[in-house]
Amino acid sequence: MFVSENLSVNAAGHLAVGGVDTVELAKEYGTPLYVMDEQVVRKSLRLFHDSMNKHYGGRGEVHYASKAFSCMEMCRIVASEGDGLDAVSIGELYTAVKAGFPMEKVGFHGNNKTNEELEYAVEVGVGHIIVDNISELHRLEKIAAKKNAQPKIMFRIKPGIDAHTHDFVRTGQIDSKFGFALETGEAFEAVKEAVSCKNVSLFGLHCHIGSQIFDIAPFEEAAKVMLGFIAKIKNELGYEIEGLNLGGGFGIKYVDENDPKPFEVYLEKVSEAVKAECEKLGLKLPKMFIEPGRSIAGPAGITLYTVGARKVIPNIRTYVSVDGGMADNPRYILYGSEYDAVVANKAGEERNEKVTIAGKCCESGDLIGENMPLQHAESGDIIAVCATGAYNYSMSSNYNRLQKPAVVFVNNGKSRIAVKRETLDDIIRNDI
């Protein structure tokens, strides 16, 4: 009935998430409201690391990609499960530090890290830095020397894999702002230079082929390409690469048509491919890293809105306007992303209309979705948009000087605030 397994209809006919009535959540905390189910987050993390233990002998780490959804409470939950973190900015690093996250289990990404970010990463002792280009290697070498440190690094490699996904979220092909290309020899030259560096230690290689991917074959192929490069480094430079990071990008169910593979199936197939290729190439098994983000946070979250206007344009469409929109969920206007929605206070009723859910921003394209099946919605109803735990709060903005919504975690029938709703004073806080 719903795209996420933690959603249900309670005795009052209302939508419940994690055993909590969403209509009551809207009354208590206001709308728009992000709601995250802690148990879904924990279950997903456990599925990944348990599968890593089962199929790869525990020779790996799961690093939650915090760009999907980052706050101190999320960092604390990930840390309590014993998993690592993938950070992509000084802000995400700072959040992790303030949450007490073990920094030795953090990988630091970014295609254009500033000196300030690199210095901070070295100071707080991140586990490894994923170097994206040769100028970054040079700058990091100088920073490390100045700080008398020797940070571990990985190189981000473009394996040239077509991930069969949206052009805006394909990152493994040669024409990408991310990483070193294999085809041009750029990657091998960078490895040769890194091996000779005195103040950084080349620990591993990283690749990421895209996002919202449902096929397993591209991940298997990427692993084979990367291991082939590791073999080349060993055979021609006599240097052993210890770590292999295969990134993330695992698809989730946003609408009924989406059919993601179970996490365990992915890890089983990729582990088999890595083992077979290592045996074929005479390599020792590398330590494997994966970086699930959307697949951890996405299904755990919903966003609650209050309906304002209902506008019927005969023979064209019906608009149902809500008190949020592109400022709290820009994914439709950016990618045309699809979502499933339900009128929370009528969740037990049939979704017998097709409507366009419109946001309140001063943009014609400010929509949550078009032609969406929904129960009859009137002013004052509560609409829940499902699977919004990833790339909603993290991509939110103050466009039109709107306040960012609160984030609430639910856990076994109880709720708690994790991020406060912004106030009007927050909007002008940095104005002079």
Protein backbone atom coordinates (compact mmCIF):
# COMPACT_ATOMS: atom_id res chain seq x y z
CA MET A 1 0.00 0.00 0.00
CA PHE A 2 2.89 2.39 0.77
CA VAL A 3 6.37 2.62 -0.75
CA SER A 4 8.05 2.50 2.68
CA GLU A 5 7.55 -0.44 5.03
CA ASN A 6 7.39 1.73 8.17
CA LEU A 7 4.16 3.42 7.09
CA SER A 8 0.73 2.15 8.12
CA VAL A 9 -2.87 3.21 8.72
CA ASN A 10 -3.82 3.38 12.40
CA ALA A 11 -7.16 2.87 14.10
CA ALA A 12 -8.12 6.50 13.48
CA GLY A 13 -7.60 6.06 9.74
CA HIS A 14 -4.51 8.26 9.89
CA LEU A 15 -1.08 7.62 8.43
CA ALA A 16 1.39 6.39 11.06
CA VAL A 17 5.17 6.37 10.76
CA GLY A 18 7.16 4.24 13.16
CA GLY A 19 3.99 3.79 15.20
CA VAL A 20 3.39 7.55 15.57
CA ASP A 21 0.29 9.30 14.20
CA THR A 22 1.45 11.79 11.56
CA VAL A 23 -1.58 14.02 12.10
CA GLU A 24 -0.59 14.37 15.75
CA LEU A 25 3.01 15.09 14.71
CA ALA A 26 1.77 17.90 12.48
CA LYS A 27 -0.27 19.34 15.37
CA GLU A 28 2.60 19.12 17.84
CA TYR A 29 5.50 20.33 15.70
CA GLY A 30 3.82 22.25 12.86
CA THR A 31 4.35 21.91 9.13
CA PRO A 32 6.27 21.61 6.90
CA LEU A 33 7.93 18.90 8.97
CA TYR A 34 10.60 16.36 8.19
CA VAL A 35 10.07 13.07 10.03
CA MET A 36 12.78 10.39 10.25
CA ASP A 37 12.19 6.86 11.54
CA GLU A 38 15.22 5.88 13.63
CA GLN A 39 14.52 2.16 13.39
CA VAL A 40 14.52 2.25 9.59
CA VAL A 41 17.90 4.01 9.63
CA ARG A 42 19.33 1.42 12.01
CA LYS A 43 17.84 -1.53 10.12
CA SER A 44 19.31 -0.32 6.82
CA LEU A 45 22.75 0.22 8.33
CA ARG A 46 22.66 -3.25 9.85
CA LEU A 47 21.63 -4.84 6.56
CA PHE A 48 24.67 -3.32 4.90
CA HIS A 49 27.27 -4.16 7.53
CA ASP A 50 25.82 -7.60 8.27
CA SER A 51 25.94 -8.37 4.55
CA MET A 52 29.54 -7.13 4.44
CA ASN A 53 30.40 -9.53 7.26
CA LYS A 54 28.56 -12.42 5.66
CA HIS A 55 29.74 -12.10 2.06
CA TYR A 56 33.12 -10.41 2.43
CA GLY A 57 34.34 -11.86 5.68
CA GLY A 58 34.02 -8.56 7.52
CA ARG A 59 36.92 -7.10 5.50
CA GLY A 60 35.19 -3.81 4.93
CA GLU A 61 33.46 -0.73 6.27
CA VAL A 62 30.10 0.88 5.62
CA HIS A 63 30.44 4.67 5.47
CA TYR A 64 27.13 6.52 5.54
CA ALA A 65 27.16 9.25 2.86
CA SER A 66 26.17 12.17 5.04
CA LYS A 67 25.43 14.49 2.11
CA ALA A 68 22.10 12.63 1.88
CA PHE A 69 21.09 13.88 5.33
CA SER A 70 23.43 15.32 7.91
CA CYS A 71 22.73 16.48 11.44
CA MET A 72 24.34 15.69 14.77
CA GLU A 73 21.66 13.20 15.74
CA MET A 74 22.12 11.26 12.49
CA CYS A 75 25.87 11.18 13.12
CA ARG A 76 25.29 9.83 16.63
CA ILE A 77 23.00 7.08 15.32
CA VAL A 78 25.52 6.00 12.67
CA ALA A 79 28.33 5.99 15.23
CA SER A 80 26.29 3.91 17.67
CA GLU A 81 25.87 1.26 14.96
CA GLY A 82 29.64 1.08 14.54
CA ASP A 83 29.66 2.40 10.99
CA GLY A 84 31.72 5.10 9.33
CA LEU A 85 30.89 8.40 7.65
CA ASP A 86 31.51 9.93 4.25
CA ALA A 87 31.75 13.73 4.47
CA VAL A 88 31.96 16.19 1.57
CA SER A 89 32.53 19.57 3.21
CA ILE A 90 34.00 21.25 6.25
CA GLY A 91 30.43 21.71 7.50
CA GLU A 92 29.76 17.97 7.43
CA LEU A 93 33.12 17.33 9.12
CA TYR A 94 32.35 19.91 11.80
CA THR A 95 28.92 18.36 12.40
CA ALA A 96 30.55 14.96 12.89
CA VAL A 97 33.17 16.37 15.26
CA LYS A 98 30.55 18.14 17.37
CA ALA A 99 28.50 14.94 17.50
CA GLY A 100 31.51 13.08 18.90
CA PHE A 101 31.91 10.89 15.82
CA PRO A 102 35.12 8.79 15.70
CA MET A 103 37.02 10.68 13.00
CA GLU A 104 39.26 7.73 12.15
CA LYS A 105 36.16 6.21 10.54
CA VAL A 106 35.51 9.21 8.29
CA GLY A 107 36.38 9.59 4.62
CA PHE A 108 36.55 13.13 3.24
CA HIS A 109 35.34 13.79 -0.33
CA GLY A 110 35.03 16.77 -2.63
CA ASN A 111 36.11 17.75 -6.13
CA ASN A 112 37.36 21.18 -5.08
CA LYS A 113 38.38 21.10 -1.43
CA THR A 114 39.69 24.39 -0.10
CA ASN A 115 42.92 24.67 1.87
CA GLU A 116 40.80 25.44 4.94
CA GLU A 117 38.93 22.17 4.48
CA LEU A 118 42.09 20.12 3.93
CA GLU A 119 43.77 21.67 6.96
CA TYR A 120 40.73 20.94 9.12
CA ALA A 121 40.53 17.35 7.87
CA VAL A 122 44.17 16.80 8.80
CA GLU A 123 43.76 18.52 12.19
CA VAL A 124 40.76 16.40 13.24
CA GLY A 125 42.40 13.19 12.00
CA VAL A 126 40.00 11.88 9.37
CA GLY A 127 40.57 8.26 8.41
CA HIS A 128 41.38 9.07 4.81
CA ILE A 129 41.01 11.88 2.29
CA ILE A 130 39.69 11.04 -1.17
CA VAL A 131 41.89 13.15 -3.45
CA ASP A 132 40.09 14.29 -6.59
CA ASN A 133 42.77 16.00 -8.70
CA ILE A 134 46.51 16.51 -8.92
CA SER A 135 46.50 20.09 -7.59
CA GLU A 136 44.75 18.82 -4.47
CA LEU A 137 47.49 16.23 -4.01
CA HIS A 138 50.13 18.95 -4.19
CA ARG A 139 48.29 21.20 -1.74
CA LEU A 140 47.66 18.36 0.69
CA GLU A 141 51.31 17.33 0.57
CA LYS A 142 52.34 20.87 1.63
CA ILE A 143 49.67 21.08 4.33
CA ALA A 144 50.63 17.69 5.77
CA ALA A 145 54.31 18.65 5.83
CA LYS A 146 53.50 21.89 7.63
CA LYS A 147 51.42 20.03 10.23
CA ASN A 148 53.95 17.18 10.54
CA ALA A 149 51.25 14.67 9.58
CA GLN A 150 50.92 11.86 7.05
CA PRO A 151 47.25 11.48 6.15
CA LYS A 152 46.02 8.42 4.31
CA ILE A 153 44.57 9.15 0.90
CA MET A 154 42.53 7.48 -1.80
CA PHE A 155 42.32 8.64 -5.38
CA ARG A 156 38.89 9.05 -6.92
CA ILE A 157 38.92 7.24 -10.23
CA LYS A 158 36.52 7.50 -13.17
CA PRO A 159 36.02 3.88 -14.26
CA GLY A 160 34.04 4.82 -17.38
CA ILE A 161 30.91 2.87 -16.44
CA ASP A 162 27.45 3.75 -17.78
CA ALA A 163 25.18 3.51 -14.75
CA HIS A 164 21.92 3.83 -16.75
CA THR A 165 20.64 6.73 -14.69
CA HIS A 166 19.81 10.45 -15.01
CA ASP A 167 22.56 12.43 -16.77
CA PHE A 168 22.78 14.86 -13.84
CA VAL A 169 23.67 12.06 -11.40
CA ARG A 170 26.05 9.99 -13.54
CA THR A 171 29.56 10.47 -12.16
CA GLY A 172 31.66 7.54 -13.38
CA GLN A 173 32.11 8.51 -17.04
CA ILE A 174 35.15 10.27 -18.49
CA ASP A 175 33.33 13.60 -18.94
CA SER A 176 32.81 14.35 -15.26
CA LYS A 177 34.05 17.00 -12.87
CA PHE A 178 34.95 14.21 -10.44
CA GLY A 179 38.15 12.22 -10.27
CA PHE A 180 41.02 10.95 -12.42
CA ALA A 181 40.41 9.34 -15.82
CA LEU A 182 41.80 5.89 -16.58
CA GLU A 183 41.59 6.16 -20.37
CA THR A 184 43.95 9.14 -20.65
CA GLY A 185 46.64 7.77 -18.33
CA GLU A 186 45.92 10.62 -15.91
CA ALA A 187 45.11 8.25 -13.05
CA PHE A 188 48.30 6.21 -13.42
CA GLU A 189 50.49 9.32 -13.54
CA ALA A 190 48.82 10.57 -10.36
CA VAL A 191 49.50 7.26 -8.61
CA LYS A 192 53.17 7.41 -9.62
CA GLU A 193 53.43 10.88 -8.13
CA ALA A 194 51.60 9.92 -4.93
CA VAL A 195 53.88 6.94 -4.36
CA SER A 196 56.84 9.30 -4.29
CA CYS A 197 55.21 11.75 -1.87
CA LYS A 198 56.70 11.89 1.63
CA ASN A 199 53.81 13.41 3.54
CA VAL A 200 50.78 11.48 2.29
CA SER A 201 50.19 7.74 2.19
CA LEU A 202 48.32 6.30 -0.79
CA PHE A 203 45.99 3.81 0.86
CA GLY A 204 43.32 3.08 -1.71
CA LEU A 205 41.26 3.86 -4.77
CA HIS A 206 37.68 5.10 -4.92
CA CYS A 207 35.00 5.17 -7.58
CA HIS A 208 31.36 6.22 -7.71
CA ILE A 209 29.34 5.51 -10.84
CA GLY A 210 26.12 7.40 -10.14
CA SER A 211 22.98 7.57 -8.02
CA GLN A 212 19.58 5.86 -7.84
CA ILE A 213 20.92 2.79 -9.70
CA PHE A 214 18.82 -0.38 -9.80
CA ASP A 215 21.11 -2.64 -11.87
CA ILE A 216 23.82 -4.63 -10.08
CA ALA A 217 25.89 -5.28 -13.22
CA PRO A 218 27.40 -1.75 -13.40
CA PHE A 219 28.72 -2.11 -9.83
CA GLU A 220 30.28 -5.50 -10.68
CA GLU A 221 31.86 -4.07 -13.82
CA ALA A 222 33.22 -1.06 -11.90
CA ALA A 223 34.83 -3.40 -9.35
CA LYS A 224 36.54 -5.35 -12.15
CA VAL A 225 37.83 -2.17 -13.79
CA MET A 226 39.19 -0.87 -10.49
CA LEU A 227 40.89 -4.16 -9.66
CA GLY A 228 42.45 -4.19 -13.10
CA PHE A 229 43.95 -0.80 -12.31
CA ILE A 230 45.16 -2.05 -8.92
CA ALA A 231 46.88 -4.94 -10.71
CA LYS A 232 48.54 -2.50 -13.12
CA ILE A 233 49.85 -0.46 -10.19
CA LYS A 234 51.21 -3.59 -8.51
CA ASN A 235 52.79 -5.00 -11.65
CA GLU A 236 54.35 -1.79 -12.95
CA LEU A 237 55.14 0.10 -9.75
CA GLY A 238 55.44 -2.71 -7.21
CA TYR A 239 52.97 -0.85 -4.98
CA GLU A 240 50.14 -2.63 -3.13
CA ILE A 241 46.82 -0.78 -2.92
CA GLU A 242 45.12 -1.78 0.33
CA GLY A 243 41.64 -0.23 0.07
CA LEU A 244 38.93 -0.26 -2.57
CA ASN A 245 35.96 2.08 -2.16
CA LEU A 246 33.10 1.27 -4.54
CA GLY A 247 30.99 4.26 -3.54
CA GLY A 248 27.21 4.22 -3.27
CA GLY A 249 24.31 5.06 -5.53
CA PHE A 250 21.96 2.18 -4.63
CA GLY A 251 18.41 2.90 -5.77
CA ILE A 252 15.38 3.08 -3.48
CA LYS A 253 11.64 2.82 -3.96
CA TYR A 254 10.13 6.27 -4.50
CA VAL A 255 7.08 5.03 -6.43
CA ASP A 256 5.58 1.60 -7.07
CA GLU A 257 7.36 1.25 -10.41
CA ASN A 258 10.80 1.34 -8.74
CA ASP A 259 12.21 -2.12 -8.03
CA PRO A 260 15.46 -1.90 -6.03
CA LYS A 261 17.41 -5.07 -5.31
CA PRO A 262 17.84 -6.06 -1.64
CA PHE A 263 21.06 -4.71 -0.14
CA GLU A 264 22.34 -8.20 0.56
CA VAL A 265 22.01 -9.23 -3.09
CA TYR A 266 24.14 -6.28 -4.16
CA LEU A 267 26.87 -7.07 -1.64
CA GLU A 268 26.80 -10.77 -2.43
CA LYS A 269 27.23 -10.19 -6.17
CA VAL A 270 29.89 -7.51 -5.82
CA SER A 271 31.82 -9.52 -3.22
CA GLU A 272 31.82 -12.52 -5.55
CA ALA A 273 33.08 -10.34 -8.40
CA VAL A 274 35.87 -8.86 -6.27
CA LYS A 275 37.02 -12.27 -4.98
CA ALA A 276 37.01 -13.82 -8.44
CA GLU A 277 38.89 -10.92 -10.01
CA CYS A 278 41.49 -10.84 -7.25
CA GLU A 279 42.14 -14.55 -7.71
CA LYS A 280 42.41 -14.09 -11.46
CA LEU A 281 44.83 -11.14 -11.15
CA GLY A 282 46.88 -12.49 -8.25
CA LEU A 283 45.85 -9.74 -5.85
CA LYS A 284 45.21 -9.91 -2.14
CA LEU A 285 41.65 -9.00 -1.18
CA PRO A 286 41.47 -5.25 -0.57
CA LYS A 287 39.61 -3.74 2.33
CA MET A 288 36.24 -2.81 0.82
CA PHE A 289 34.37 0.41 1.54
CA ILE A 290 30.85 1.29 0.43
CA GLU A 291 29.04 4.60 0.85
CA PRO A 292 25.26 4.21 1.03
CA GLY A 293 23.44 7.47 1.64
CA ARG A 294 20.05 7.65 -0.04
CA SER A 295 19.41 3.95 0.72
CA ILE A 296 19.92 4.64 4.45
CA ALA A 297 18.13 7.96 4.84
CA GLY A 298 15.61 8.01 1.99
CA PRO A 299 13.12 5.32 3.05
CA ALA A 300 13.33 6.47 6.68
CA GLY A 301 11.88 9.91 5.99
CA ILE A 302 8.60 11.56 5.14
CA THR A 303 7.64 15.22 4.87
CA LEU A 304 4.36 16.55 6.26
CA TYR A 305 2.56 19.54 4.77
CA THR A 306 -0.71 21.36 5.42
CA VAL A 307 -2.99 21.93 2.44
CA GLY A 308 -3.93 25.55 1.74
CA ALA A 309 -5.67 26.20 -1.56
CA ARG A 310 -7.33 23.75 -3.90
CA LYS A 311 -7.60 25.04 -7.48
CA VAL A 312 -9.53 23.11 -10.14
CA ILE A 313 -8.89 24.05 -13.78
CA PRO A 314 -11.60 22.14 -15.66
CA ASN A 315 -10.33 19.57 -18.18
CA ILE A 316 -6.72 20.55 -17.42
CA ARG A 317 -5.62 19.78 -13.86
CA THR A 318 -6.29 20.18 -10.16
CA TYR A 319 -3.72 21.98 -8.04
CA VAL A 320 -3.42 21.18 -4.35
CA SER A 321 -1.15 23.78 -2.75
CA VAL A 322 0.84 23.08 0.40
CA ASP A 323 2.81 25.19 2.87
CA GLY A 324 6.20 24.00 1.60
CA GLY A 325 7.70 23.20 -1.78
CA MET A 326 11.00 23.67 -3.57
CA ALA A 327 12.61 25.35 -0.54
CA ASP A 328 12.31 22.11 1.45
CA ASN A 329 12.31 19.67 -1.49
CA PRO A 330 14.01 20.95 -4.67
CA ARG A 331 14.33 17.51 -6.28
CA TYR A 332 11.31 17.84 -8.56
CA ILE A 333 12.38 21.17 -10.02
CA LEU A 334 15.97 19.88 -10.38
CA TYR A 335 15.45 16.33 -11.62
CA GLY A 336 11.74 15.80 -12.20
CA SER A 337 11.89 13.32 -9.32
CA GLU A 338 8.78 11.25 -8.64
CA TYR A 339 7.19 10.74 -5.23
CA ASP A 340 4.32 8.90 -3.61
CA ALA A 341 1.98 10.98 -1.44
CA VAL A 342 -0.99 10.38 0.85
CA VAL A 343 -3.50 12.58 2.69
CA ALA A 344 -2.41 11.64 6.19
CA ASN A 345 -5.77 12.25 7.87
CA LYS A 346 -7.54 10.18 5.16
CA ALA A 347 -4.92 7.46 4.76
CA GLY A 348 -7.44 4.64 4.93
CA GLU A 349 -9.42 6.03 1.99
CA GLU A 350 -8.86 5.30 -1.68
CA ARG A 351 -6.57 7.58 -3.64
CA ASN A 352 -9.18 8.37 -6.28
CA GLU A 353 -7.89 11.67 -7.69
CA LYS A 354 -4.85 12.67 -9.70
CA VAL A 355 -3.52 16.08 -8.74
CA THR A 356 -0.54 18.38 -9.00
CA ILE A 357 0.88 19.14 -5.57
CA ALA A 358 2.14 22.73 -5.73
CA GLY A 359 4.50 24.53 -3.42
CA LYS A 360 4.20 28.08 -2.13
CA CYS A 361 7.31 29.59 -3.70
CA CYS A 362 7.06 32.27 -6.37
CA GLU A 363 8.06 29.90 -9.20
CA SER A 364 5.77 28.14 -11.69
CA GLY A 365 7.98 25.07 -11.47
CA ASP A 366 7.67 24.85 -7.69
CA LEU A 367 5.90 21.50 -7.56
CA ILE A 368 6.19 18.33 -5.48
CA GLY A 369 4.81 16.32 -8.39
CA GLU A 370 2.29 16.16 -11.20
CA ASN A 371 -0.47 13.65 -11.92
CA MET A 372 -0.08 12.16 -8.44
CA PRO A 373 -2.72 9.73 -7.11
CA LEU A 374 -4.19 11.21 -3.92
CA GLN A 375 -7.24 11.09 -1.70
CA HIS A 376 -9.54 14.11 -2.07
CA ALA A 377 -7.62 16.93 -0.40
CA GLU A 378 -9.12 20.10 1.03
CA SER A 379 -7.76 23.08 2.95
CA GLY A 380 -6.45 22.01 6.36
CA ASP A 381 -5.72 18.40 5.38
CA ILE A 382 -2.24 17.01 6.07
CA ILE A 383 -0.30 15.59 3.12
CA ALA A 384 2.60 13.21 3.67
CA VAL A 385 5.17 12.86 0.89
CA CYS A 386 7.01 9.56 1.26
CA ALA A 387 10.68 8.56 0.99
CA THR A 388 11.98 12.10 1.50
CA GLY A 389 14.70 11.31 4.04
CA ALA A 390 17.53 11.90 1.56
CA TYR A 391 18.42 15.11 -0.28
CA ASN A 392 15.47 17.08 1.07
CA TYR A 393 16.61 18.63 4.35
CA SER A 394 20.21 18.61 3.07
CA MET A 395 19.27 20.52 -0.11
CA SER A 396 16.76 22.85 1.53
CA SER A 397 17.12 26.60 1.24
CA ASN A 398 15.72 29.89 2.46
CA TYR A 399 14.39 30.82 -0.98
CA ASN A 400 11.69 33.50 -0.63
CA ARG A 401 13.10 33.87 2.91
CA LEU A 402 11.20 30.81 4.07
CA GLN A 403 12.20 29.19 7.34
CA LYS A 404 13.70 25.71 7.11
CA PRO A 405 11.45 23.06 8.70
CA ALA A 406 12.18 21.13 11.87
CA VAL A 407 13.43 17.55 11.78
CA VAL A 408 11.76 15.08 14.12
CA PHE A 409 12.92 11.53 14.79
CA VAL A 410 10.38 8.87 15.73
CA ASN A 411 11.35 5.70 17.52
CA ASN A 412 9.01 2.97 18.73
CA GLY A 413 5.96 5.17 19.11
CA LYS A 414 7.71 8.28 20.47
CA SER A 415 9.03 11.44 18.83
CA ARG A 416 11.81 13.90 19.55
CA ILE A 417 13.22 17.03 17.92
CA ALA A 418 16.59 16.61 16.21
CA VAL A 419 16.75 19.93 14.36
CA LYS A 420 14.73 22.95 15.49
CA ARG A 421 12.51 24.85 13.05
CA GLU A 422 14.15 28.08 11.99
CA THR A 423 12.74 31.26 13.44
CA LEU A 424 12.27 34.60 11.71
CA ASP A 425 15.30 35.84 13.66
CA ASP A 426 17.31 32.97 12.11
CA ILE A 427 16.40 34.34 8.66
CA ILE A 428 18.03 37.71 9.38
CA ARG A 429 20.74 36.45 11.75
CA ASN A 430 23.63 37.28 9.42
CA ASP A 431 22.17 40.46 7.98
CA ILE A 432 24.01 43.68 8.81
